[in-house]
N, C-alpha and C. Protein backbone atom coordinates (compact mmCIF):
# COMPACT_ATOMS: atom_id res chain seq x y z
N MET A 1 -11.18 19.79 2.01
CA MET A 1 -10.20 19.99 3.21
C MET A 1 -8.96 20.36 2.57
N LYS A 2 -8.05 21.18 3.30
CA LYS A 2 -6.74 21.50 2.95
C LYS A 2 -5.58 20.63 3.79
N LEU A 3 -4.48 20.46 3.18
CA LEU A 3 -3.47 19.70 3.90
C LEU A 3 -3.34 20.30 5.25
N GLU A 4 -3.30 21.68 5.45
CA GLU A 4 -3.00 22.18 6.73
C GLU A 4 -3.99 21.72 7.85
N GLU A 5 -5.32 21.38 7.35
CA GLU A 5 -6.36 20.97 8.16
C GLU A 5 -6.42 19.55 8.60
N THR A 6 -5.45 18.77 8.07
CA THR A 6 -5.49 17.38 8.19
C THR A 6 -4.81 16.89 9.55
N VAL A 7 -5.25 15.79 10.06
CA VAL A 7 -4.69 15.31 11.33
C VAL A 7 -3.20 15.31 11.28
N TRP A 8 -2.73 14.87 10.05
CA TRP A 8 -1.17 14.73 9.97
C TRP A 8 -0.59 16.11 10.36
N ALA A 9 -1.05 17.07 9.48
CA ALA A 9 -0.49 18.48 9.54
C ALA A 9 -0.73 19.04 10.93
N LEU A 10 -1.58 18.63 11.65
CA LEU A 10 -1.99 19.21 12.96
C LEU A 10 -1.24 18.63 14.07
N ASN A 11 -0.78 17.37 13.91
CA ASN A 11 -0.37 16.58 15.03
C ASN A 11 1.03 15.74 14.71
N SER A 12 1.69 16.15 13.51
CA SER A 12 2.86 15.34 13.17
C SER A 12 3.86 16.20 12.33
N GLU A 13 5.08 15.82 12.50
CA GLU A 13 6.10 16.44 11.76
C GLU A 13 6.39 15.74 10.54
N PRO A 14 6.47 16.30 9.33
CA PRO A 14 6.77 15.52 8.10
C PRO A 14 8.04 14.82 8.36
N PHE A 15 8.00 13.51 7.79
CA PHE A 15 9.22 12.77 7.62
C PHE A 15 10.18 13.29 6.63
N VAL A 16 9.41 13.59 5.34
CA VAL A 16 10.13 14.19 4.28
C VAL A 16 9.11 15.24 3.76
N ASP A 17 9.60 16.39 3.36
CA ASP A 17 8.66 17.53 2.89
C ASP A 17 9.32 17.99 1.52
N THR A 18 8.35 17.84 0.43
CA THR A 18 9.00 18.37 -0.92
C THR A 18 7.95 19.45 -1.33
N LYS A 19 8.20 20.05 -2.54
CA LYS A 19 7.28 20.90 -3.14
C LYS A 19 5.91 20.47 -3.50
N ASP A 20 5.85 19.11 -3.76
CA ASP A 20 4.39 18.62 -4.26
C ASP A 20 3.91 17.81 -3.17
N PHE A 21 4.48 17.25 -2.20
CA PHE A 21 3.99 16.23 -1.35
C PHE A 21 4.72 16.28 -0.07
N VAL A 22 4.06 15.53 1.00
CA VAL A 22 4.90 15.40 2.30
C VAL A 22 4.78 13.89 2.56
N VAL A 23 5.83 13.50 3.30
CA VAL A 23 5.65 11.87 3.80
C VAL A 23 5.67 12.00 5.12
N TYR A 24 4.73 11.08 5.76
CA TYR A 24 4.58 11.00 7.22
C TYR A 24 4.62 9.41 7.62
N LYS A 25 5.30 9.32 8.84
CA LYS A 25 5.33 7.95 9.27
C LYS A 25 3.78 7.63 9.70
N ASP A 26 3.33 6.53 9.43
CA ASP A 26 2.12 6.07 9.82
C ASP A 26 2.04 5.92 11.24
N LYS A 27 1.10 6.62 11.88
CA LYS A 27 0.95 6.55 13.52
C LYS A 27 0.52 5.21 13.90
N TYR A 28 -0.17 4.21 13.17
CA TYR A 28 -0.61 2.97 13.37
C TYR A 28 0.12 2.07 12.36
N PRO A 29 1.21 1.80 12.16
CA PRO A 29 1.82 1.07 11.02
C PRO A 29 1.41 -0.24 10.95
N VAL A 30 0.98 -0.79 9.90
CA VAL A 30 0.79 -2.15 9.40
C VAL A 30 2.17 -2.97 9.58
N THR A 31 3.15 -2.33 9.23
CA THR A 31 4.50 -3.08 9.48
C THR A 31 5.65 -1.89 9.67
N GLU A 32 6.69 -2.42 10.15
CA GLU A 32 7.65 -1.27 10.56
C GLU A 32 8.09 -0.66 9.09
N GLY A 33 8.06 0.65 9.21
CA GLY A 33 8.39 1.55 8.12
C GLY A 33 7.26 2.02 7.20
N HIS A 34 6.01 1.62 7.65
CA HIS A 34 4.76 2.07 6.85
C HIS A 34 4.77 3.63 6.80
N LEU A 35 4.68 4.08 5.51
CA LEU A 35 4.71 5.59 5.33
C LEU A 35 3.41 5.93 4.57
N LEU A 36 3.12 7.37 4.63
CA LEU A 36 2.02 7.92 3.93
C LEU A 36 2.57 9.13 3.05
N PHE A 37 2.33 9.04 1.93
CA PHE A 37 2.67 9.92 0.85
C PHE A 37 1.36 10.80 0.74
N VAL A 38 1.55 12.07 1.08
CA VAL A 38 0.28 13.05 1.03
C VAL A 38 0.52 14.26 0.19
N PRO A 39 -0.39 14.42 -0.86
CA PRO A 39 -0.18 15.52 -1.85
C PRO A 39 -0.47 16.76 -1.22
N LYS A 40 0.39 17.91 -1.35
CA LYS A 40 -0.01 19.16 -1.01
C LYS A 40 -1.23 19.88 -1.55
N VAL A 41 -1.42 19.49 -2.91
CA VAL A 41 -2.60 19.87 -3.27
C VAL A 41 -3.48 18.66 -3.80
N GLU A 42 -4.74 18.52 -3.30
CA GLU A 42 -5.46 17.30 -3.51
C GLU A 42 -6.00 17.25 -4.91
N ASP A 43 -5.10 16.86 -6.08
CA ASP A 43 -5.61 16.83 -7.32
C ASP A 43 -4.73 15.54 -8.06
N TRP A 44 -5.17 15.21 -9.11
CA TRP A 44 -4.53 14.10 -9.84
C TRP A 44 -3.12 14.27 -10.17
N GLU A 45 -2.66 15.38 -10.55
CA GLU A 45 -1.24 15.54 -10.81
C GLU A 45 -0.39 15.39 -9.49
N HIS A 46 -0.80 15.86 -8.38
CA HIS A 46 0.06 15.73 -7.12
C HIS A 46 -0.05 14.20 -6.60
N LEU A 47 -1.37 13.71 -6.75
CA LEU A 47 -1.53 12.38 -6.29
C LEU A 47 -0.69 11.41 -7.15
N ALA A 48 -0.56 11.59 -8.39
CA ALA A 48 0.40 10.87 -9.31
C ALA A 48 1.90 10.96 -8.87
N LYS A 49 2.37 11.99 -8.36
CA LYS A 49 3.59 12.32 -7.79
C LYS A 49 3.87 11.53 -6.70
N CYS A 50 2.71 11.31 -5.87
CA CYS A 50 2.91 10.62 -4.60
C CYS A 50 3.01 9.03 -4.95
N TYR A 51 2.30 8.56 -5.96
CA TYR A 51 2.38 7.29 -6.39
C TYR A 51 3.97 6.89 -6.86
N LYS A 52 4.39 7.82 -7.70
CA LYS A 52 5.74 7.68 -8.12
C LYS A 52 6.68 7.64 -7.27
N ALA A 53 6.58 8.48 -6.30
CA ALA A 53 7.66 8.45 -5.22
C ALA A 53 7.55 7.37 -4.34
N ALA A 54 6.31 6.96 -3.89
CA ALA A 54 6.18 5.70 -3.03
C ALA A 54 6.71 4.44 -3.87
N TYR A 55 6.33 4.35 -5.17
CA TYR A 55 7.07 3.32 -5.84
C TYR A 55 8.57 3.20 -5.83
N GLN A 56 9.16 4.35 -6.21
CA GLN A 56 10.47 4.62 -6.25
C GLN A 56 11.15 4.23 -4.76
N TRP A 57 10.57 4.79 -3.78
CA TRP A 57 10.94 4.52 -2.41
C TRP A 57 11.04 2.99 -2.07
N GLY A 58 9.82 2.27 -2.46
CA GLY A 58 9.60 1.01 -2.25
C GLY A 58 10.73 0.21 -2.96
N TYR A 59 10.97 0.42 -4.10
CA TYR A 59 11.87 -0.19 -4.96
C TYR A 59 13.38 -0.08 -4.40
N ASP A 60 13.56 1.21 -3.86
CA ASP A 60 14.91 1.42 -3.29
C ASP A 60 15.22 0.47 -2.07
N TRP A 61 14.08 0.42 -1.27
CA TRP A 61 14.03 -0.30 -0.01
C TRP A 61 14.53 -1.71 -0.32
N VAL A 62 13.68 -2.43 -1.26
CA VAL A 62 14.00 -3.70 -1.74
C VAL A 62 15.39 -3.90 -2.17
N GLN A 63 16.09 -2.99 -3.01
CA GLN A 63 17.41 -3.10 -3.47
C GLN A 63 18.29 -2.95 -2.38
N LYS A 64 18.03 -2.20 -1.21
CA LYS A 64 18.94 -1.93 -0.14
C LYS A 64 18.79 -3.22 0.85
N GLY A 65 17.77 -3.95 0.68
CA GLY A 65 17.56 -4.86 1.65
C GLY A 65 16.74 -4.70 2.97
N TYR A 66 16.05 -3.59 2.86
CA TYR A 66 15.26 -3.02 4.08
C TYR A 66 13.97 -3.80 4.17
N CYS A 67 13.57 -4.33 2.99
CA CYS A 67 12.31 -5.11 3.04
C CYS A 67 12.45 -6.05 1.76
N ASP A 68 11.60 -7.07 1.68
CA ASP A 68 11.73 -8.11 0.52
C ASP A 68 10.59 -7.73 -0.50
N ALA A 69 9.57 -6.95 -0.28
CA ALA A 69 8.51 -6.54 -1.13
C ALA A 69 7.72 -5.44 -0.48
N TYR A 70 6.68 -4.90 -1.15
CA TYR A 70 6.02 -3.87 -0.63
C TYR A 70 4.64 -3.76 -1.28
N ASN A 71 3.75 -3.02 -0.68
CA ASN A 71 2.44 -2.68 -1.15
C ASN A 71 2.23 -1.18 -1.19
N ILE A 72 1.67 -0.73 -2.27
CA ILE A 72 1.13 0.76 -2.48
C ILE A 72 -0.11 0.81 -2.74
N GLY A 73 -0.82 1.64 -1.98
CA GLY A 73 -2.32 1.86 -2.44
C GLY A 73 -2.84 2.76 -1.51
N GLN A 74 -4.14 2.81 -1.73
CA GLN A 74 -5.16 3.94 -1.20
C GLN A 74 -6.38 3.17 -0.76
N ASN A 75 -7.01 3.71 0.31
CA ASN A 75 -8.42 3.43 0.62
C ASN A 75 -9.25 4.70 0.16
N VAL A 76 -10.11 4.45 -0.70
CA VAL A 76 -10.80 5.66 -1.32
C VAL A 76 -12.22 5.62 -0.74
N GLY A 77 -12.65 6.27 0.11
CA GLY A 77 -14.28 6.36 0.61
C GLY A 77 -14.26 5.55 1.99
N ARG A 78 -15.23 5.86 2.64
CA ARG A 78 -15.30 5.20 4.03
C ARG A 78 -15.67 3.51 3.90
N GLU A 79 -16.29 3.02 2.89
CA GLU A 79 -16.65 1.74 2.77
C GLU A 79 -15.28 1.10 2.46
N ALA A 80 -14.34 1.75 1.87
CA ALA A 80 -13.14 0.99 1.49
C ALA A 80 -12.05 1.35 2.66
N GLY A 81 -12.40 1.63 3.81
CA GLY A 81 -11.54 1.85 4.91
C GLY A 81 -10.95 3.25 5.12
N GLN A 82 -11.31 4.11 4.29
CA GLN A 82 -10.55 5.43 4.35
C GLN A 82 -11.11 6.10 5.71
N SER A 83 -10.30 6.51 6.47
CA SER A 83 -10.65 7.24 7.78
C SER A 83 -10.28 8.77 7.95
N ILE A 84 -9.29 8.88 7.05
CA ILE A 84 -9.02 10.40 6.92
C ILE A 84 -9.20 10.87 5.48
N MET A 85 -10.18 11.68 5.31
CA MET A 85 -10.92 12.15 4.00
C MET A 85 -10.02 13.11 3.34
N TYR A 86 -8.71 12.73 3.21
CA TYR A 86 -7.79 13.62 2.28
C TYR A 86 -6.93 12.50 1.56
N ALA A 87 -6.79 12.77 0.31
CA ALA A 87 -6.01 11.77 -0.54
C ALA A 87 -4.67 11.53 0.19
N HIS A 88 -4.28 10.17 0.18
CA HIS A 88 -2.89 9.85 0.51
C HIS A 88 -2.72 8.49 0.03
N VAL A 89 -1.25 8.15 -0.07
CA VAL A 89 -0.91 6.89 -0.66
C VAL A 89 -0.10 6.17 0.41
N HIS A 90 -0.43 4.87 0.74
CA HIS A 90 0.29 3.99 1.74
C HIS A 90 1.43 3.42 0.94
N LEU A 91 2.62 3.33 1.72
CA LEU A 91 3.81 2.56 1.31
C LEU A 91 3.91 1.58 2.55
N ILE A 92 3.63 0.27 2.23
CA ILE A 92 3.80 -0.71 3.48
C ILE A 92 5.02 -1.78 3.07
N PRO A 93 6.13 -1.62 3.71
CA PRO A 93 7.09 -2.68 3.46
C PRO A 93 6.66 -3.99 3.87
N ARG A 94 6.97 -5.03 3.10
CA ARG A 94 6.59 -6.37 3.49
C ARG A 94 7.92 -7.13 3.58
N ARG A 95 7.87 -8.14 4.42
CA ARG A 95 9.06 -9.00 4.74
C ARG A 95 8.58 -10.42 4.82
N LYS A 96 9.50 -11.39 4.40
CA LYS A 96 9.37 -12.72 4.38
C LYS A 96 8.57 -13.10 5.82
N ALA A 97 7.49 -13.88 5.70
CA ALA A 97 6.97 -14.46 6.89
C ALA A 97 6.24 -13.37 7.85
N ASP A 98 5.93 -12.17 7.36
CA ASP A 98 5.15 -11.22 7.97
C ASP A 98 3.73 -11.58 8.16
N VAL A 99 3.30 -12.60 6.97
CA VAL A 99 2.07 -13.19 7.16
C VAL A 99 2.30 -14.70 6.80
N SER A 100 1.37 -15.61 7.07
CA SER A 100 1.68 -16.82 6.82
C SER A 100 1.42 -17.20 5.27
N ASP A 101 0.60 -16.49 4.75
CA ASP A 101 0.41 -16.75 3.20
C ASP A 101 0.08 -15.45 2.56
N PRO A 102 0.92 -14.83 1.87
CA PRO A 102 0.86 -13.47 1.33
C PRO A 102 0.20 -13.52 0.01
N THR A 103 -0.33 -14.72 -0.58
CA THR A 103 -1.03 -14.74 -1.78
C THR A 103 -2.30 -13.93 -1.65
N GLY A 104 -2.45 -13.23 -2.84
CA GLY A 104 -3.54 -12.37 -2.78
C GLY A 104 -3.47 -10.97 -2.40
N GLY A 105 -2.43 -10.73 -1.56
CA GLY A 105 -2.10 -9.35 -1.10
C GLY A 105 -3.25 -8.68 -0.56
N VAL A 106 -3.63 -7.48 -1.17
CA VAL A 106 -4.75 -6.63 -0.54
C VAL A 106 -6.11 -7.07 -0.74
N ARG A 107 -6.10 -8.43 -1.65
CA ARG A 107 -7.42 -9.00 -1.61
C ARG A 107 -7.95 -9.62 -0.22
N HIS A 108 -7.10 -9.57 0.65
CA HIS A 108 -7.57 -9.94 2.07
C HIS A 108 -8.33 -8.87 2.78
N ALA A 109 -8.43 -7.73 2.14
CA ALA A 109 -9.40 -6.69 2.64
C ALA A 109 -10.89 -7.30 2.80
N ILE A 110 -11.18 -8.16 1.85
CA ILE A 110 -12.45 -8.73 1.96
C ILE A 110 -12.31 -10.19 2.46
N PRO A 111 -12.75 -10.68 3.56
CA PRO A 111 -12.57 -12.09 4.28
C PRO A 111 -12.91 -13.15 3.07
N ASP A 112 -11.97 -13.98 3.26
CA ASP A 112 -12.10 -15.44 2.33
C ASP A 112 -11.91 -15.07 0.92
N LYS A 113 -11.43 -13.85 0.48
CA LYS A 113 -11.28 -13.56 -0.97
C LYS A 113 -9.71 -13.36 -1.23
N GLY A 114 -8.87 -13.47 -0.19
CA GLY A 114 -7.37 -13.15 -0.34
C GLY A 114 -6.92 -14.49 -1.33
N ASN A 115 -6.96 -15.68 -0.96
CA ASN A 115 -6.10 -16.68 -1.67
C ASN A 115 -7.03 -17.27 -2.88
N TYR A 116 -7.04 -16.51 -3.93
CA TYR A 116 -7.79 -17.05 -5.13
C TYR A 116 -7.20 -18.24 -5.74
N LYS A 117 -6.01 -18.69 -5.38
CA LYS A 117 -5.48 -19.79 -5.98
C LYS A 117 -6.22 -21.05 -5.54
N LYS A 118 -6.82 -21.13 -4.66
CA LYS A 118 -7.64 -22.20 -4.21
C LYS A 118 -8.67 -22.39 -5.06
N ASP A 119 -9.38 -21.48 -5.76
CA ASP A 119 -10.41 -21.79 -6.75
C ASP A 119 -9.69 -22.11 -7.96
N TRP A 120 -8.61 -21.61 -8.31
CA TRP A 120 -7.84 -22.05 -9.53
C TRP A 120 -7.59 -23.61 -9.50
N LYS A 121 -7.33 -24.01 -8.35
CA LYS A 121 -6.91 -25.47 -8.15
C LYS A 121 -8.05 -26.31 -8.49
N GLU A 122 -9.25 -25.79 -7.86
CA GLU A 122 -10.41 -26.57 -8.09
C GLU A 122 -10.75 -26.63 -9.59
N PHE A 123 -10.47 -25.45 -10.13
CA PHE A 123 -10.82 -25.31 -11.64
C PHE A 123 -9.96 -26.03 -12.55
N ALA A 124 -8.76 -26.17 -12.16
CA ALA A 124 -7.82 -26.89 -12.97
C ALA A 124 -7.24 -28.31 -12.49
N LYS A 125 -7.96 -28.81 -11.64
CA LYS A 125 -7.63 -30.04 -10.95
C LYS A 125 -7.14 -31.16 -12.11
N ASP A 126 -7.93 -31.16 -13.17
CA ASP A 126 -7.70 -32.25 -14.06
C ASP A 126 -6.84 -32.00 -15.25
N ASP A 127 -6.14 -30.74 -15.15
CA ASP A 127 -5.29 -30.20 -16.14
C ASP A 127 -4.01 -29.87 -15.56
N ASP A 128 -3.00 -30.76 -15.59
CA ASP A 128 -1.72 -30.45 -15.01
C ASP A 128 -1.11 -29.28 -15.69
N LYS A 129 -1.19 -29.35 -16.97
CA LYS A 129 -0.50 -28.22 -17.66
C LYS A 129 -0.91 -26.86 -17.31
N GLN A 130 -2.30 -26.84 -17.23
CA GLN A 130 -2.90 -25.35 -16.88
C GLN A 130 -2.46 -25.13 -15.51
N MET A 131 -2.38 -25.90 -14.56
CA MET A 131 -2.08 -25.83 -13.14
C MET A 131 -0.78 -25.31 -12.93
N ARG A 132 0.17 -25.71 -13.90
CA ARG A 132 1.55 -25.16 -13.61
C ARG A 132 1.67 -23.80 -14.05
N LEU A 133 0.67 -23.21 -14.93
CA LEU A 133 0.78 -21.88 -15.19
C LEU A 133 0.27 -20.95 -13.98
N PHE A 134 -0.33 -21.58 -13.19
CA PHE A 134 -1.04 -20.91 -11.95
C PHE A 134 -0.12 -20.91 -10.65
N GLU A 135 0.93 -21.79 -10.81
CA GLU A 135 1.65 -21.81 -9.58
C GLU A 135 3.09 -21.01 -9.59
């Protein structure tokens, strides 16, 4: 598939357009400001530029106070949740209290696997020194 054939190119105007990638606002945002960085050529070089740009964008947002943190990532393959079969990188701004317990971040993609610290506490319950390392 070529970028011109994707649902984004057919139905949306880019938020940002560079020589290597385009940025779209996610049509179904997880949080306010959720962006998609889409390489113009679907190869490692262009995808790496998307990651670099998404990271820099997220960093700048935190520095400017737009958000408190951010997630960057991909769903690669249907079983991982990919619905548009063209490489793209998600930048999801995160804010304090947008979820009750952010521990584990993207690990919540698999139910009951998000907060791995509960297992650490069970493992380290008799070792206060070790426990402090995990909190």
